[in-house]
N, C-alpha and C. Protein backbone atom coordinates (compact mmCIF):
# COMPACT_ATOMS: atom_id res chain seq x y z
N MET A 1 -49.45 -19.50 -33.85
CA MET A 1 -48.16 -19.68 -33.18
C MET A 1 -47.18 -18.65 -33.74
N ASN A 2 -46.35 -18.12 -32.90
CA ASN A 2 -45.35 -17.14 -33.28
C ASN A 2 -44.38 -17.73 -34.29
N PHE A 3 -44.06 -16.94 -35.31
CA PHE A 3 -43.16 -17.36 -36.39
C PHE A 3 -41.83 -17.88 -35.85
N HIS A 4 -41.19 -17.11 -34.96
CA HIS A 4 -39.87 -17.49 -34.43
C HIS A 4 -39.94 -18.73 -33.54
N LEU A 5 -40.98 -18.81 -32.71
CA LEU A 5 -41.12 -19.99 -31.85
C LEU A 5 -41.30 -21.25 -32.68
N HIS A 6 -42.05 -21.14 -33.75
CA HIS A 6 -42.31 -22.30 -34.61
C HIS A 6 -41.00 -22.81 -35.23
N LEU A 7 -40.13 -21.90 -35.64
CA LEU A 7 -38.85 -22.30 -36.24
C LEU A 7 -37.96 -23.01 -35.24
N GLU A 8 -38.13 -22.72 -33.97
CA GLU A 8 -37.31 -23.35 -32.94
C GLU A 8 -37.95 -24.62 -32.38
N ASP A 9 -39.18 -24.91 -32.77
CA ASP A 9 -39.86 -26.11 -32.29
C ASP A 9 -39.90 -27.23 -33.31
N GLU A 10 -39.68 -26.92 -34.57
CA GLU A 10 -39.71 -27.91 -35.64
C GLU A 10 -38.28 -28.36 -35.93
N PHE A 11 -38.13 -29.60 -36.34
CA PHE A 11 -36.79 -30.17 -36.51
C PHE A 11 -36.49 -30.52 -37.96
N VAL A 12 -35.21 -30.50 -38.28
CA VAL A 12 -34.71 -30.79 -39.61
C VAL A 12 -35.15 -32.18 -40.07
N GLN A 13 -35.31 -33.09 -39.14
CA GLN A 13 -35.68 -34.46 -39.50
C GLN A 13 -37.04 -34.54 -40.22
N PHE A 14 -37.84 -33.47 -40.14
CA PHE A 14 -39.13 -33.47 -40.81
C PHE A 14 -39.07 -32.91 -42.23
N PHE A 15 -37.91 -32.44 -42.64
CA PHE A 15 -37.73 -32.00 -44.02
C PHE A 15 -37.72 -33.21 -44.94
N PRO A 16 -38.13 -33.04 -46.18
CA PRO A 16 -37.98 -34.13 -47.15
C PRO A 16 -36.53 -34.13 -47.65
N LEU A 17 -35.62 -34.67 -46.87
CA LEU A 17 -34.20 -34.63 -47.19
C LEU A 17 -33.88 -35.38 -48.47
N ASP A 18 -32.92 -34.84 -49.23
CA ASP A 18 -32.41 -35.57 -50.38
C ASP A 18 -31.59 -36.75 -49.88
N GLU A 19 -31.76 -37.87 -50.53
CA GLU A 19 -30.98 -39.07 -50.19
C GLU A 19 -29.50 -38.77 -50.41
N PRO A 20 -28.64 -39.11 -49.45
CA PRO A 20 -27.22 -38.81 -49.65
C PRO A 20 -26.60 -39.71 -50.72
N VAL A 21 -25.98 -39.09 -51.69
CA VAL A 21 -25.23 -39.80 -52.72
C VAL A 21 -23.77 -39.58 -52.38
N SER A 22 -23.00 -40.66 -52.33
CA SER A 22 -21.60 -40.50 -51.93
C SER A 22 -20.66 -41.28 -52.81
N VAL A 23 -19.42 -40.83 -52.81
CA VAL A 23 -18.33 -41.49 -53.53
C VAL A 23 -17.12 -41.53 -52.63
N GLU A 24 -16.15 -42.36 -52.99
CA GLU A 24 -14.88 -42.44 -52.27
C GLU A 24 -13.99 -41.28 -52.72
N PRO A 25 -13.04 -40.84 -51.89
CA PRO A 25 -12.20 -39.70 -52.25
C PRO A 25 -11.29 -39.94 -53.46
N ASP A 26 -11.03 -41.20 -53.81
CA ASP A 26 -10.15 -41.46 -54.96
C ASP A 26 -10.92 -41.60 -56.28
N THR A 27 -12.22 -41.35 -56.26
CA THR A 27 -13.04 -41.41 -57.48
C THR A 27 -12.63 -40.28 -58.42
N PRO A 28 -12.40 -40.56 -59.70
CA PRO A 28 -12.04 -39.50 -60.66
C PRO A 28 -13.17 -38.48 -60.81
N ALA A 29 -12.80 -37.23 -60.96
CA ALA A 29 -13.79 -36.15 -61.09
C ALA A 29 -14.73 -36.40 -62.26
N THR A 30 -14.22 -36.93 -63.37
CA THR A 30 -15.08 -37.19 -64.53
C THR A 30 -16.19 -38.17 -64.17
N GLN A 31 -15.89 -39.16 -63.37
CA GLN A 31 -16.90 -40.13 -62.94
C GLN A 31 -17.94 -39.46 -62.05
N VAL A 32 -17.49 -38.54 -61.21
CA VAL A 32 -18.41 -37.81 -60.33
C VAL A 32 -19.34 -36.94 -61.17
N PHE A 33 -18.80 -36.26 -62.19
CA PHE A 33 -19.63 -35.45 -63.09
C PHE A 33 -20.72 -36.31 -63.73
N GLN A 34 -20.34 -37.49 -64.20
CA GLN A 34 -21.31 -38.39 -64.83
C GLN A 34 -22.39 -38.81 -63.84
N GLN A 35 -21.98 -39.12 -62.63
CA GLN A 35 -22.93 -39.55 -61.61
C GLN A 35 -23.89 -38.41 -61.26
N LEU A 36 -23.38 -37.20 -61.12
CA LEU A 36 -24.23 -36.05 -60.82
C LEU A 36 -25.25 -35.84 -61.93
N LYS A 37 -24.80 -35.97 -63.17
CA LYS A 37 -25.70 -35.78 -64.32
C LYS A 37 -26.75 -36.87 -64.36
N GLN A 38 -26.35 -38.13 -64.21
CA GLN A 38 -27.29 -39.25 -64.27
C GLN A 38 -28.35 -39.17 -63.18
N GLN A 39 -27.95 -38.74 -62.00
CA GLN A 39 -28.88 -38.70 -60.87
C GLN A 39 -29.54 -37.34 -60.70
N ASN A 40 -29.19 -36.41 -61.60
CA ASN A 40 -29.75 -35.06 -61.57
C ASN A 40 -29.58 -34.41 -60.19
N LYS A 41 -28.35 -34.44 -59.70
CA LYS A 41 -28.01 -33.88 -58.39
C LYS A 41 -27.08 -32.68 -58.56
N GLY A 42 -27.07 -31.81 -57.57
CA GLY A 42 -26.19 -30.65 -57.59
C GLY A 42 -25.01 -30.81 -56.66
N SER A 43 -24.97 -31.93 -55.94
CA SER A 43 -23.86 -32.16 -55.03
C SER A 43 -23.71 -33.65 -54.76
N ILE A 44 -22.54 -33.99 -54.26
CA ILE A 44 -22.26 -35.37 -53.89
C ILE A 44 -21.36 -35.35 -52.66
N LEU A 45 -21.62 -36.25 -51.73
CA LEU A 45 -20.81 -36.32 -50.52
C LEU A 45 -19.61 -37.22 -50.77
N VAL A 46 -18.48 -36.84 -50.22
CA VAL A 46 -17.26 -37.65 -50.34
C VAL A 46 -17.03 -38.28 -48.98
N CYS A 47 -17.11 -39.62 -48.95
CA CYS A 47 -17.05 -40.35 -47.68
C CYS A 47 -16.00 -41.46 -47.77
N ASP A 48 -15.44 -41.77 -46.63
CA ASP A 48 -14.55 -42.91 -46.50
C ASP A 48 -15.05 -43.74 -45.33
N ASP A 49 -15.49 -44.97 -45.62
CA ASP A 49 -16.04 -45.85 -44.60
C ASP A 49 -17.20 -45.17 -43.85
N GLN A 50 -18.12 -44.57 -44.61
CA GLN A 50 -19.30 -43.86 -44.11
C GLN A 50 -18.98 -42.59 -43.34
N LYS A 51 -17.72 -42.18 -43.25
CA LYS A 51 -17.36 -40.95 -42.56
C LYS A 51 -17.27 -39.83 -43.59
N LEU A 52 -17.97 -38.75 -43.33
CA LEU A 52 -18.00 -37.61 -44.24
C LEU A 52 -16.67 -36.88 -44.23
N LEU A 53 -16.04 -36.81 -45.39
CA LEU A 53 -14.77 -36.09 -45.54
C LEU A 53 -14.96 -34.75 -46.21
N GLY A 54 -15.92 -34.69 -47.12
CA GLY A 54 -16.12 -33.46 -47.87
C GLY A 54 -17.39 -33.51 -48.71
N ILE A 55 -17.59 -32.43 -49.44
CA ILE A 55 -18.74 -32.32 -50.34
C ILE A 55 -18.24 -31.71 -51.65
N PHE A 56 -18.78 -32.17 -52.75
CA PHE A 56 -18.45 -31.63 -54.06
C PHE A 56 -19.75 -31.09 -54.64
N THR A 57 -19.77 -29.79 -54.92
CA THR A 57 -20.98 -29.13 -55.39
C THR A 57 -20.76 -28.52 -56.77
N GLU A 58 -21.82 -27.94 -57.29
CA GLU A 58 -21.74 -27.24 -58.57
C GLU A 58 -20.68 -26.13 -58.52
N ARG A 59 -20.57 -25.46 -57.39
CA ARG A 59 -19.57 -24.40 -57.25
C ARG A 59 -18.16 -24.96 -57.38
N ASP A 60 -17.92 -26.12 -56.78
CA ASP A 60 -16.60 -26.76 -56.90
C ASP A 60 -16.33 -27.13 -58.36
N ALA A 61 -17.36 -27.61 -59.04
CA ALA A 61 -17.20 -27.99 -60.45
C ALA A 61 -16.84 -26.77 -61.29
N LEU A 62 -17.50 -25.66 -61.03
CA LEU A 62 -17.19 -24.43 -61.78
C LEU A 62 -15.76 -23.96 -61.52
N ARG A 63 -15.31 -24.08 -60.28
CA ARG A 63 -13.93 -23.71 -59.96
C ARG A 63 -12.94 -24.58 -60.72
N LEU A 64 -13.22 -25.88 -60.79
CA LEU A 64 -12.35 -26.80 -61.52
C LEU A 64 -12.27 -26.42 -62.99
N MET A 65 -13.42 -26.18 -63.58
CA MET A 65 -13.44 -25.85 -65.00
C MET A 65 -12.82 -24.49 -65.28
N ALA A 66 -13.00 -23.54 -64.38
CA ALA A 66 -12.44 -22.21 -64.58
C ALA A 66 -10.92 -22.23 -64.59
N ARG A 67 -10.33 -23.09 -63.79
CA ARG A 67 -8.87 -23.16 -63.77
C ARG A 67 -8.32 -24.23 -64.72
N GLU A 68 -9.23 -24.78 -65.55
CA GLU A 68 -8.88 -25.79 -66.55
C GLU A 68 -8.07 -26.94 -65.94
N ALA A 69 -8.56 -27.42 -64.82
CA ALA A 69 -7.89 -28.51 -64.10
C ALA A 69 -8.06 -29.84 -64.84
N ASP A 70 -7.19 -30.77 -64.53
CA ASP A 70 -7.26 -32.12 -65.07
C ASP A 70 -8.44 -32.83 -64.41
N LEU A 71 -9.47 -33.15 -65.19
CA LEU A 71 -10.69 -33.73 -64.63
C LEU A 71 -10.57 -35.21 -64.31
N THR A 72 -9.38 -35.78 -64.52
CA THR A 72 -9.17 -37.16 -64.08
C THR A 72 -8.63 -37.20 -62.64
N MET A 73 -8.44 -36.02 -62.06
CA MET A 73 -7.94 -35.96 -60.68
C MET A 73 -8.93 -36.59 -59.72
N PRO A 74 -8.46 -37.11 -58.59
CA PRO A 74 -9.38 -37.66 -57.59
C PRO A 74 -10.27 -36.56 -57.02
N ILE A 75 -11.52 -36.89 -56.79
CA ILE A 75 -12.47 -35.90 -56.29
C ILE A 75 -12.05 -35.38 -54.91
N GLY A 76 -11.29 -36.18 -54.17
CA GLY A 76 -10.79 -35.75 -52.87
C GLY A 76 -9.91 -34.52 -52.95
N ASP A 77 -9.29 -34.28 -54.12
CA ASP A 77 -8.46 -33.10 -54.31
C ASP A 77 -9.27 -31.87 -54.71
N ALA A 78 -10.51 -32.08 -55.13
CA ALA A 78 -11.33 -30.97 -55.62
C ALA A 78 -12.50 -30.63 -54.70
N MET A 79 -12.79 -31.49 -53.74
CA MET A 79 -13.96 -31.29 -52.87
C MET A 79 -13.72 -30.17 -51.87
N THR A 80 -14.80 -29.72 -51.26
CA THR A 80 -14.73 -28.82 -50.13
C THR A 80 -14.54 -29.71 -48.91
N LYS A 81 -13.40 -29.58 -48.27
CA LYS A 81 -13.07 -30.45 -47.13
C LYS A 81 -13.78 -29.99 -45.86
N CYS A 82 -14.06 -30.94 -44.99
CA CYS A 82 -14.69 -30.67 -43.69
C CYS A 82 -15.89 -29.72 -43.83
N PRO A 83 -16.90 -30.11 -44.59
CA PRO A 83 -18.03 -29.19 -44.78
C PRO A 83 -18.79 -28.97 -43.48
N VAL A 84 -19.44 -27.83 -43.42
CA VAL A 84 -20.31 -27.54 -42.29
C VAL A 84 -21.49 -28.49 -42.39
N THR A 85 -21.86 -29.09 -41.27
CA THR A 85 -22.96 -30.05 -41.23
C THR A 85 -23.97 -29.62 -40.18
N ILE A 86 -25.07 -30.34 -40.16
CA ILE A 86 -26.09 -30.08 -39.14
C ILE A 86 -26.59 -31.43 -38.63
N SER A 87 -26.95 -31.45 -37.37
CA SER A 87 -27.46 -32.65 -36.73
C SER A 87 -28.89 -32.92 -37.17
N PHE A 88 -29.26 -34.18 -37.17
CA PHE A 88 -30.60 -34.61 -37.50
C PHE A 88 -31.61 -34.01 -36.51
N GLU A 89 -31.17 -33.75 -35.28
CA GLU A 89 -32.07 -33.20 -34.25
C GLU A 89 -32.07 -31.68 -34.20
N ALA A 90 -31.38 -31.02 -35.12
CA ALA A 90 -31.32 -29.55 -35.13
C ALA A 90 -32.68 -28.97 -35.52
N THR A 91 -32.92 -27.75 -35.09
CA THR A 91 -34.19 -27.10 -35.43
C THR A 91 -34.10 -26.45 -36.81
N VAL A 92 -35.25 -26.14 -37.34
CA VAL A 92 -35.32 -25.46 -38.63
C VAL A 92 -34.63 -24.10 -38.53
N GLY A 93 -34.81 -23.43 -37.40
CA GLY A 93 -34.16 -22.14 -37.19
C GLY A 93 -32.64 -22.24 -37.26
N GLU A 94 -32.09 -23.30 -36.65
CA GLU A 94 -30.64 -23.50 -36.71
C GLU A 94 -30.18 -23.71 -38.15
N ALA A 95 -30.91 -24.50 -38.90
CA ALA A 95 -30.55 -24.76 -40.30
C ALA A 95 -30.55 -23.46 -41.09
N ILE A 96 -31.58 -22.64 -40.90
CA ILE A 96 -31.67 -21.37 -41.61
C ILE A 96 -30.51 -20.45 -41.23
N ARG A 97 -30.19 -20.37 -39.94
CA ARG A 97 -29.08 -19.51 -39.50
C ARG A 97 -27.75 -19.97 -40.09
N ILE A 98 -27.49 -21.27 -40.08
CA ILE A 98 -26.22 -21.79 -40.61
C ILE A 98 -26.13 -21.52 -42.10
N MET A 99 -27.20 -21.82 -42.83
CA MET A 99 -27.19 -21.63 -44.28
C MET A 99 -27.04 -20.15 -44.64
N ALA A 100 -27.74 -19.29 -43.93
CA ALA A 100 -27.69 -17.86 -44.24
C ALA A 100 -26.34 -17.26 -43.89
N SER A 101 -25.80 -17.61 -42.74
CA SER A 101 -24.53 -17.01 -42.31
C SER A 101 -23.35 -17.49 -43.16
N GLY A 102 -23.41 -18.74 -43.62
CA GLY A 102 -22.31 -19.28 -44.42
C GLY A 102 -22.51 -19.18 -45.92
N GLY A 103 -23.70 -18.80 -46.34
CA GLY A 103 -24.00 -18.73 -47.76
C GLY A 103 -24.10 -20.11 -48.40
N TYR A 104 -24.54 -21.11 -47.63
CA TYR A 104 -24.63 -22.47 -48.12
C TYR A 104 -25.98 -22.73 -48.76
N ARG A 105 -25.98 -23.41 -49.90
CA ARG A 105 -27.22 -23.83 -50.55
C ARG A 105 -27.57 -25.27 -50.20
N ARG A 106 -26.57 -25.99 -49.71
CA ARG A 106 -26.76 -27.39 -49.32
C ARG A 106 -26.04 -27.62 -48.00
N LEU A 107 -26.68 -28.39 -47.13
CA LEU A 107 -26.12 -28.64 -45.81
C LEU A 107 -26.28 -30.12 -45.49
N PRO A 108 -25.16 -30.87 -45.39
CA PRO A 108 -25.27 -32.29 -45.04
C PRO A 108 -25.85 -32.47 -43.63
N VAL A 109 -26.77 -33.41 -43.52
CA VAL A 109 -27.39 -33.76 -42.23
C VAL A 109 -26.75 -35.06 -41.77
N ILE A 110 -26.25 -35.04 -40.53
CA ILE A 110 -25.55 -36.22 -40.00
C ILE A 110 -26.22 -36.71 -38.72
N ASP A 111 -26.01 -38.00 -38.41
CA ASP A 111 -26.52 -38.54 -37.16
C ASP A 111 -25.47 -38.35 -36.06
N LYS A 112 -25.72 -38.93 -34.89
CA LYS A 112 -24.80 -38.75 -33.75
C LYS A 112 -23.42 -39.34 -33.99
N GLN A 113 -23.33 -40.33 -34.89
CA GLN A 113 -22.03 -40.94 -35.20
C GLN A 113 -21.33 -40.24 -36.37
N GLY A 114 -21.97 -39.22 -36.91
CA GLY A 114 -21.36 -38.49 -38.02
C GLY A 114 -21.62 -39.10 -39.39
N VAL A 115 -22.55 -40.05 -39.46
CA VAL A 115 -22.90 -40.68 -40.74
C VAL A 115 -23.92 -39.80 -41.46
N PRO A 116 -23.67 -39.48 -42.73
CA PRO A 116 -24.61 -38.64 -43.48
C PRO A 116 -25.96 -39.32 -43.67
N LEU A 117 -27.02 -38.57 -43.39
CA LEU A 117 -28.38 -39.08 -43.53
C LEU A 117 -29.11 -38.44 -44.70
N GLY A 118 -28.63 -37.30 -45.14
CA GLY A 118 -29.28 -36.58 -46.22
C GLY A 118 -28.68 -35.21 -46.38
N ILE A 119 -29.33 -34.42 -47.22
CA ILE A 119 -28.88 -33.06 -47.47
C ILE A 119 -30.09 -32.14 -47.42
N VAL A 120 -29.97 -31.07 -46.65
CA VAL A 120 -30.99 -30.03 -46.64
C VAL A 120 -30.59 -29.02 -47.71
N LYS A 121 -31.54 -28.69 -48.57
CA LYS A 121 -31.28 -27.70 -49.62
C LYS A 121 -32.10 -26.44 -49.33
N VAL A 122 -31.70 -25.35 -49.91
CA VAL A 122 -32.43 -24.10 -49.77
C VAL A 122 -33.88 -24.29 -50.20
N SER A 123 -34.09 -25.08 -51.25
CA SER A 123 -35.46 -25.31 -51.72
C SER A 123 -36.30 -26.00 -50.65
N HIS A 124 -35.69 -26.88 -49.84
CA HIS A 124 -36.43 -27.52 -48.74
C HIS A 124 -36.88 -26.47 -47.72
N VAL A 125 -35.97 -25.56 -47.41
CA VAL A 125 -36.30 -24.50 -46.44
C VAL A 125 -37.43 -23.64 -46.98
N MET A 126 -37.34 -23.27 -48.26
CA MET A 126 -38.38 -22.42 -48.85
C MET A 126 -39.73 -23.14 -48.87
N GLN A 127 -39.74 -24.42 -49.22
CA GLN A 127 -40.99 -25.19 -49.22
C GLN A 127 -41.59 -25.25 -47.81
N TYR A 128 -40.72 -25.43 -46.83
CA TYR A 128 -41.17 -25.48 -45.45
C TYR A 128 -41.81 -24.14 -45.06
N LEU A 129 -41.13 -23.05 -45.36
CA LEU A 129 -41.63 -21.72 -45.00
C LEU A 129 -42.96 -21.42 -45.67
N VAL A 130 -43.08 -21.75 -46.94
CA VAL A 130 -44.33 -21.50 -47.66
C VAL A 130 -45.46 -22.34 -47.08
N ALA A 131 -45.17 -23.60 -46.77
CA ALA A 131 -46.21 -24.49 -46.23
C ALA A 131 -46.65 -24.09 -44.83
N HIS A 132 -45.72 -23.63 -44.00
CA HIS A 132 -46.04 -23.34 -42.61
C HIS A 132 -46.40 -21.88 -42.33
N PHE A 133 -45.94 -20.97 -43.16
CA PHE A 133 -46.16 -19.55 -42.90
C PHE A 133 -46.63 -18.83 -44.17
N PRO A 134 -47.70 -19.28 -44.79
CA PRO A 134 -48.11 -18.64 -46.04
C PRO A 134 -48.45 -17.17 -45.88
N GLU A 135 -48.98 -16.79 -44.72
CA GLU A 135 -49.35 -15.39 -44.51
C GLU A 135 -48.13 -14.46 -44.49
N TYR A 136 -46.95 -15.00 -44.17
CA TYR A 136 -45.73 -14.20 -44.19
C TYR A 136 -45.06 -14.22 -45.56
N ILE A 137 -45.29 -15.28 -46.31
CA ILE A 137 -44.63 -15.46 -47.60
C ILE A 137 -45.41 -14.81 -48.73
N TYR A 138 -46.70 -15.12 -48.80
CA TYR A 138 -47.54 -14.57 -49.86
C TYR A 138 -47.97 -13.17 -49.46
N ASN A 139 -47.63 -12.20 -50.27
CA ASN A 139 -47.99 -10.83 -49.92
C ASN A 139 -48.84 -10.18 -51.00
N LEU A 140 -49.55 -10.99 -51.78
CA LEU A 140 -50.44 -10.44 -52.79
C LEU A 140 -51.73 -9.99 -52.11
N PRO A 141 -52.35 -8.97 -52.66
CA PRO A 141 -53.64 -8.55 -52.09
C PRO A 141 -54.68 -9.65 -52.33
N PRO A 142 -55.78 -9.65 -51.56
CA PRO A 142 -56.79 -10.70 -51.71
C PRO A 142 -57.35 -10.78 -53.13
N LYS A 143 -57.44 -9.65 -53.81
CA LYS A 143 -57.92 -9.62 -55.19
C LYS A 143 -56.84 -8.94 -56.02
N PRO A 144 -55.88 -9.69 -56.53
CA PRO A 144 -54.72 -9.08 -57.19
C PRO A 144 -55.05 -8.26 -58.44
N HIS A 145 -56.18 -8.53 -59.10
CA HIS A 145 -56.49 -7.81 -60.32
C HIS A 145 -57.67 -6.85 -60.14
N ALA A 146 -57.92 -6.46 -58.91
CA ALA A 146 -59.02 -5.56 -58.63
C ALA A 146 -58.70 -4.15 -59.12
N THR A 147 -59.71 -3.47 -59.58
CA THR A 147 -59.56 -2.07 -60.01
C THR A 147 -60.57 -1.24 -59.24
N THR A 148 -60.29 0.04 -59.11
CA THR A 148 -61.21 0.92 -58.43
C THR A 148 -62.26 1.42 -59.41
N LYS A 149 -63.45 1.73 -58.90
CA LYS A 149 -64.55 2.22 -59.76
C LYS A 149 -64.42 3.71 -60.01
N THR A 150 -63.73 4.38 -59.08
CA THR A 150 -63.57 5.83 -59.27
C THR A 150 -62.08 6.14 -59.30
N ARG A 151 -61.79 7.22 -59.92
CA ARG A 151 -60.40 7.64 -60.03
C ARG A 151 -59.91 8.17 -58.69
N GLU A 152 -58.68 7.78 -58.30
CA GLU A 152 -58.13 8.24 -57.05
C GLU A 152 -57.21 9.42 -57.32
N GLY A 153 -57.04 10.25 -56.33
CA GLY A 153 -56.07 11.35 -56.45
C GLY A 153 -56.71 12.60 -57.01
N ALA A 154 -55.87 13.56 -57.36
CA ALA A 154 -56.37 14.86 -57.78
C ALA A 154 -56.75 14.91 -59.23
């Protein structure tokens, strides 16, 4: 099957999505840091009544620390507001285009009502590509440590 056609026929819903972890916008940043560390996550969704308001990622955390901000501030003041999202029914190709064009490492996946269902990460995309298109990803020769019996060249 053609590489490009395959990307447009497979859907994001088949990715092993990370379970969405969320907090309320008035949660203190220090509490969010603790939660991220305990759950070994790189991002957390900020929701109010299951409605996605924003996302707080490692990049946001670095920005906070770089400006020596008060870490007791509500996470709603430090999050990335109105994050770019993708539909559960979107194709893998759409996810790759959105992530590449925006420079996103994480993309919240939402249902038709806008409720977060998970997060697509760059690592999910890479795992998908390796599993489905190994001939395009792996470019090692069939015998990587082969040597010639005779000297080549002049």
